Amino acid sequence: MNSPQSDPCEFFRTTIALLAKPWTGHILWTLQEGPLRFNELATRVTGIGEKVLSARLKELEALNLLVRTVHPTTPVRVEYGLTPKGRGFQEVVDAVNRWGALISQPETPGR
């Protein structure tokens, strides 16, 4: 298997594979505003089931894109928030939007 250093497309493929999973982008986008509790996320990410949301959150936590914080209150309060790596998703969204604007423009002859 190629290492990322020997295959410059590996980072791209890894990123696309992650974002291609249903709900991943929506979860990352929703958390850009700040930490949320599980039920708040489930409400804002309309249409996602609790089982899928739980699986995606665990996966994003394992990738160090979000952090799960347990507050020792009664009842226990759990919040999910983005790590600096997870907040980097905003740059991806901005870049895709810029590119989308470019490719949506009518083609100019000679370019």
N, C-alpha and C. Protein backbone atom coordinates (compact mmCIF):
# COMPACT_ATOMS: atom_id res chain seq x y z
N MET A 1 0.84 -1.19 0.00
CA MET A 1 0.00 0.00 0.00
C MET A 1 0.88 1.24 0.00
N ASN A 2 0.51 2.25 -0.75
CA ASN A 2 1.28 3.48 -0.84
C ASN A 2 1.10 4.32 0.41
N SER A 3 2.17 4.99 0.82
CA SER A 3 2.05 5.93 1.93
C SER A 3 1.62 7.27 1.35
N PRO A 4 1.03 8.16 2.16
CA PRO A 4 0.63 9.47 1.66
C PRO A 4 1.79 10.24 1.03
N GLN A 5 3.01 10.01 1.53
CA GLN A 5 4.16 10.72 0.99
C GLN A 5 4.48 10.24 -0.43
N SER A 6 4.22 8.98 -0.75
CA SER A 6 4.55 8.47 -2.08
C SER A 6 3.39 8.64 -3.06
N ASP A 7 2.21 8.96 -2.57
CA ASP A 7 1.04 9.11 -3.43
C ASP A 7 0.32 10.40 -3.06
N PRO A 8 0.58 11.49 -3.79
CA PRO A 8 -0.02 12.77 -3.43
C PRO A 8 -1.55 12.78 -3.50
N CYS A 9 -2.13 11.84 -4.21
CA CYS A 9 -3.60 11.78 -4.30
C CYS A 9 -4.23 11.08 -3.10
N GLU A 10 -3.42 10.45 -2.26
CA GLU A 10 -3.95 9.70 -1.12
C GLU A 10 -4.75 10.61 -0.17
N PHE A 11 -4.24 11.82 0.11
CA PHE A 11 -4.96 12.73 0.99
C PHE A 11 -6.31 13.09 0.39
N PHE A 12 -6.32 13.34 -0.92
CA PHE A 12 -7.56 13.67 -1.61
C PHE A 12 -8.56 12.52 -1.51
N ARG A 13 -8.10 11.31 -1.82
CA ARG A 13 -8.99 10.15 -1.77
C ARG A 13 -9.53 9.90 -0.36
N THR A 14 -8.68 10.06 0.64
CA THR A 14 -9.10 9.86 2.02
C THR A 14 -10.18 10.88 2.40
N THR A 15 -9.96 12.13 2.01
CA THR A 15 -10.92 13.20 2.32
C THR A 15 -12.25 12.97 1.62
N ILE A 16 -12.19 12.64 0.33
CA ILE A 16 -13.42 12.41 -0.43
C ILE A 16 -14.18 11.21 0.14
N ALA A 17 -13.46 10.16 0.52
CA ALA A 17 -14.12 8.98 1.10
C ALA A 17 -14.85 9.35 2.39
N LEU A 18 -14.24 10.19 3.21
CA LEU A 18 -14.88 10.61 4.45
C LEU A 18 -16.11 11.46 4.16
N LEU A 19 -15.97 12.44 3.28
CA LEU A 19 -17.08 13.34 2.99
C LEU A 19 -18.20 12.66 2.20
N ALA A 20 -17.88 11.55 1.53
CA ALA A 20 -18.90 10.83 0.76
C ALA A 20 -19.85 10.04 1.67
N LYS A 21 -19.44 9.82 2.89
CA LYS A 21 -20.32 9.09 3.82
C LYS A 21 -21.50 9.99 4.17
N PRO A 22 -22.70 9.43 4.11
CA PRO A 22 -23.89 10.24 4.39
C PRO A 22 -23.80 10.95 5.74
N TRP A 23 -24.17 12.19 5.74
CA TRP A 23 -24.32 13.05 6.90
C TRP A 23 -23.02 13.65 7.44
N THR A 24 -21.86 13.17 7.01
CA THR A 24 -20.60 13.66 7.57
C THR A 24 -20.45 15.16 7.37
N GLY A 25 -20.62 15.63 6.15
CA GLY A 25 -20.51 17.06 5.87
C GLY A 25 -21.53 17.88 6.63
N HIS A 26 -22.73 17.38 6.72
CA HIS A 26 -23.80 18.10 7.43
C HIS A 26 -23.48 18.22 8.91
N ILE A 27 -22.96 17.16 9.50
CA ILE A 27 -22.58 17.20 10.92
C ILE A 27 -21.46 18.20 11.14
N LEU A 28 -20.41 18.13 10.32
CA LEU A 28 -19.29 19.06 10.46
C LEU A 28 -19.75 20.51 10.26
N TRP A 29 -20.62 20.72 9.29
CA TRP A 29 -21.13 22.07 9.02
C TRP A 29 -21.95 22.57 10.22
N THR A 30 -22.79 21.73 10.76
CA THR A 30 -23.65 22.12 11.87
C THR A 30 -22.83 22.47 13.11
N LEU A 31 -21.74 21.76 13.33
CA LEU A 31 -20.91 22.02 14.51
C LEU A 31 -19.99 23.22 14.35
N GLN A 32 -19.93 23.82 13.17
CA GLN A 32 -19.09 25.00 12.97
C GLN A 32 -19.51 26.15 13.89
N GLU A 33 -20.79 26.20 14.25
CA GLU A 33 -21.30 27.28 15.11
C GLU A 33 -20.93 27.10 16.57
N GLY A 34 -20.55 25.88 16.96
CA GLY A 34 -20.18 25.64 18.35
C GLY A 34 -20.68 24.28 18.81
N PRO A 35 -20.26 23.88 20.01
CA PRO A 35 -20.63 22.57 20.54
C PRO A 35 -22.14 22.41 20.71
N LEU A 36 -22.59 21.18 20.49
CA LEU A 36 -24.01 20.85 20.65
C LEU A 36 -24.15 19.52 21.36
N ARG A 37 -25.28 19.35 22.03
CA ARG A 37 -25.62 18.07 22.63
C ARG A 37 -26.17 17.15 21.54
N PHE A 38 -26.19 15.86 21.84
CA PHE A 38 -26.62 14.86 20.86
C PHE A 38 -28.00 15.19 20.30
N ASN A 39 -28.97 15.47 21.18
CA ASN A 39 -30.33 15.74 20.73
C ASN A 39 -30.42 17.02 19.91
N GLU A 40 -29.60 18.01 20.25
CA GLU A 40 -29.56 19.24 19.46
C GLU A 40 -29.04 18.96 18.05
N LEU A 41 -28.01 18.13 17.98
CA LEU A 41 -27.48 17.74 16.66
C LEU A 41 -28.52 16.96 15.87
N ALA A 42 -29.17 16.02 16.52
CA ALA A 42 -30.18 15.20 15.85
C ALA A 42 -31.31 16.06 15.30
N THR A 43 -31.66 17.12 16.01
CA THR A 43 -32.71 18.02 15.55
C THR A 43 -32.24 18.88 14.38
N ARG A 44 -31.02 19.35 14.43
CA ARG A 44 -30.51 20.25 13.38
C ARG A 44 -30.09 19.52 12.11
N VAL A 45 -29.65 18.29 12.25
CA VAL A 45 -29.29 17.48 11.08
C VAL A 45 -30.55 16.69 10.72
N THR A 46 -31.46 17.38 10.09
CA THR A 46 -32.78 16.84 9.79
C THR A 46 -32.72 15.57 8.95
N GLY A 47 -33.39 14.53 9.43
CA GLY A 47 -33.51 13.29 8.69
C GLY A 47 -32.55 12.19 9.11
N ILE A 48 -31.55 12.51 9.91
CA ILE A 48 -30.59 11.50 10.34
C ILE A 48 -31.17 10.68 11.49
N GLY A 49 -30.93 9.40 11.47
CA GLY A 49 -31.35 8.55 12.58
C GLY A 49 -30.33 8.58 13.70
N GLU A 50 -30.77 8.27 14.90
CA GLU A 50 -29.88 8.32 16.06
C GLU A 50 -28.72 7.34 15.94
N LYS A 51 -28.97 6.17 15.38
CA LYS A 51 -27.93 5.15 15.22
C LYS A 51 -26.83 5.64 14.27
N VAL A 52 -27.23 6.24 13.16
CA VAL A 52 -26.27 6.76 12.19
C VAL A 52 -25.53 7.95 12.77
N LEU A 53 -26.24 8.84 13.44
CA LEU A 53 -25.59 10.00 14.06
C LEU A 53 -24.54 9.54 15.07
N SER A 54 -24.89 8.58 15.89
CA SER A 54 -23.95 8.06 16.88
C SER A 54 -22.71 7.47 16.21
N ALA A 55 -22.92 6.70 15.15
CA ALA A 55 -21.79 6.09 14.43
C ALA A 55 -20.89 7.16 13.81
N ARG A 56 -21.50 8.18 13.19
CA ARG A 56 -20.70 9.25 12.57
C ARG A 56 -19.91 10.03 13.62
N LEU A 57 -20.55 10.31 14.75
CA LEU A 57 -19.86 11.05 15.81
C LEU A 57 -18.65 10.27 16.32
N LYS A 58 -18.82 8.97 16.50
CA LYS A 58 -17.70 8.13 16.96
C LYS A 58 -16.58 8.13 15.93
N GLU A 59 -16.94 8.04 14.66
CA GLU A 59 -15.94 8.04 13.60
C GLU A 59 -15.19 9.38 13.54
N LEU A 60 -15.92 10.47 13.64
CA LEU A 60 -15.29 11.80 13.59
C LEU A 60 -14.42 12.04 14.82
N GLU A 61 -14.84 11.49 15.95
CA GLU A 61 -14.03 11.60 17.17
C GLU A 61 -12.73 10.80 17.00
N ALA A 62 -12.82 9.60 16.43
CA ALA A 62 -11.63 8.76 16.22
C ALA A 62 -10.64 9.43 15.26
N LEU A 63 -11.15 10.25 14.35
CA LEU A 63 -10.28 10.97 13.40
C LEU A 63 -9.79 12.29 13.97
N ASN A 64 -10.14 12.57 15.23
CA ASN A 64 -9.76 13.81 15.91
C ASN A 64 -10.33 15.04 15.20
N LEU A 65 -11.53 14.90 14.64
CA LEU A 65 -12.22 16.03 14.03
C LEU A 65 -13.21 16.66 15.00
N LEU A 66 -13.63 15.88 15.98
CA LEU A 66 -14.48 16.43 17.03
C LEU A 66 -14.10 15.81 18.36
N VAL A 67 -14.53 16.49 19.40
CA VAL A 67 -14.27 16.03 20.76
C VAL A 67 -15.61 15.88 21.48
N ARG A 68 -15.70 14.81 22.23
CA ARG A 68 -16.89 14.54 23.05
C ARG A 68 -16.54 14.94 24.47
N THR A 69 -17.31 15.89 25.01
CA THR A 69 -17.05 16.39 26.35
C THR A 69 -18.20 15.99 27.27
N VAL A 70 -17.86 15.30 28.35
CA VAL A 70 -18.85 14.88 29.35
C VAL A 70 -18.78 15.86 30.52
N HIS A 71 -19.89 16.53 30.78
CA HIS A 71 -19.97 17.46 31.90
C HIS A 71 -20.58 16.72 33.09
N PRO A 72 -19.88 16.72 34.24
CA PRO A 72 -20.35 15.96 35.41
C PRO A 72 -21.50 16.66 36.15
N THR A 73 -22.63 16.71 35.48
CA THR A 73 -23.82 17.31 36.09
C THR A 73 -24.86 16.21 36.28
N THR A 74 -25.94 16.56 36.92
CA THR A 74 -27.04 15.60 37.07
C THR A 74 -28.24 16.18 36.36
N PRO A 75 -28.73 15.57 35.30
CA PRO A 75 -28.14 14.41 34.63
C PRO A 75 -26.85 14.80 33.89
N VAL A 76 -26.08 13.78 33.53
CA VAL A 76 -24.83 14.00 32.82
C VAL A 76 -25.14 14.68 31.49
N ARG A 77 -24.33 15.68 31.16
CA ARG A 77 -24.51 16.41 29.90
C ARG A 77 -23.31 16.13 29.01
N VAL A 78 -23.57 15.71 27.77
CA VAL A 78 -22.51 15.38 26.82
C VAL A 78 -22.64 16.34 25.64
N GLU A 79 -21.53 16.97 25.27
CA GLU A 79 -21.50 17.88 24.13
C GLU A 79 -20.47 17.40 23.13
N TYR A 80 -20.73 17.72 21.87
CA TYR A 80 -19.81 17.42 20.78
C TYR A 80 -19.39 18.74 20.16
N GLY A 81 -18.08 18.94 20.05
CA GLY A 81 -17.55 20.16 19.46
C GLY A 81 -16.38 19.83 18.55
N LEU A 82 -16.10 20.73 17.64
CA LEU A 82 -15.01 20.51 16.69
C LEU A 82 -13.66 20.80 17.31
N THR A 83 -12.69 20.03 16.89
CA THR A 83 -11.29 20.30 17.22
C THR A 83 -10.78 21.31 16.17
N PRO A 84 -9.58 21.84 16.34
CA PRO A 84 -9.04 22.71 15.29
C PRO A 84 -9.03 22.02 13.92
N LYS A 85 -8.72 20.73 13.90
CA LYS A 85 -8.77 19.99 12.64
C LYS A 85 -10.18 19.97 12.06
N GLY A 86 -11.16 19.78 12.90
CA GLY A 86 -12.55 19.76 12.46
C GLY A 86 -13.02 21.12 11.97
N ARG A 87 -12.54 22.19 12.62
CA ARG A 87 -12.92 23.53 12.18
C ARG A 87 -12.33 23.85 10.80
N GLY A 88 -11.28 23.12 10.42
CA GLY A 88 -10.70 23.28 9.09
C GLY A 88 -11.67 22.93 7.97
N PHE A 89 -12.76 22.24 8.30
CA PHE A 89 -13.78 21.92 7.30
C PHE A 89 -14.33 23.19 6.65
N GLN A 90 -14.37 24.29 7.40
CA GLN A 90 -14.86 25.56 6.85
C GLN A 90 -14.02 25.97 5.63
N GLU A 91 -12.72 25.74 5.69
CA GLU A 91 -11.85 26.07 4.55
C GLU A 91 -12.20 25.22 3.33
N VAL A 92 -12.55 23.97 3.56
CA VAL A 92 -12.96 23.08 2.47
C VAL A 92 -14.24 23.61 1.83
N VAL A 93 -15.20 23.97 2.64
CA VAL A 93 -16.47 24.50 2.14
C VAL A 93 -16.22 25.77 1.34
N ASP A 94 -15.40 26.66 1.87
CA ASP A 94 -15.10 27.91 1.16
C ASP A 94 -14.44 27.65 -0.18
N ALA A 95 -13.47 26.73 -0.21
CA ALA A 95 -12.76 26.42 -1.45
C ALA A 95 -13.71 25.80 -2.48
N VAL A 96 -14.57 24.90 -2.05
CA VAL A 96 -15.52 24.27 -2.98
C VAL A 96 -16.50 25.32 -3.51
N ASN A 97 -16.95 26.23 -2.66
CA ASN A 97 -17.85 27.29 -3.11
C ASN A 97 -17.17 28.21 -4.13
N ARG A 98 -15.90 28.55 -3.89
CA ARG A 98 -15.16 29.39 -4.85
C ARG A 98 -15.04 28.68 -6.19
N TRP A 99 -14.69 27.40 -6.15
CA TRP A 99 -14.54 26.64 -7.38
C TRP A 99 -15.89 26.48 -8.08
N GLY A 100 -16.93 26.23 -7.31
CA GLY A 100 -18.27 26.11 -7.87
C GLY A 100 -18.70 27.39 -8.59
N ALA A 101 -18.35 28.54 -8.01
CA ALA A 101 -18.66 29.82 -8.65
C ALA A 101 -17.90 29.94 -9.97
N LEU A 102 -16.66 29.50 -9.99
CA LEU A 102 -15.86 29.56 -11.22
C LEU A 102 -16.42 28.67 -12.32
N ILE A 103 -16.76 27.46 -11.97
CA ILE A 103 -17.21 26.53 -13.00
C ILE A 103 -18.66 26.85 -13.43
N SER A 104 -19.36 27.66 -12.65
CA SER A 104 -20.72 28.03 -13.01
C SER A 104 -20.77 29.23 -13.97
N GLN A 105 -19.64 29.92 -14.10
CA GLN A 105 -19.59 31.08 -14.99
C GLN A 105 -19.58 30.62 -16.44
N PRO A 106 -20.23 31.41 -17.31
CA PRO A 106 -20.18 31.07 -18.73
C PRO A 106 -18.74 31.08 -19.23
N GLU A 107 -18.46 30.18 -20.14
CA GLU A 107 -17.11 30.07 -20.68
C GLU A 107 -16.82 31.26 -21.59
N THR A 108 -15.62 31.84 -21.42
CA THR A 108 -15.18 32.95 -22.24
C THR A 108 -14.29 32.40 -23.35
N PRO A 109 -14.54 32.77 -24.61
CA PRO A 109 -13.69 32.27 -25.69
C PRO A 109 -12.21 32.61 -25.45
N GLY A 110 -11.35 31.67 -25.74
CA GLY A 110 -9.91 31.89 -25.58
C GLY A 110 -9.38 31.58 -24.21
N ARG A 111 -10.21 31.12 -23.31
CA ARG A 111 -9.75 30.78 -21.97
C ARG A 111 -9.79 29.32 -21.73
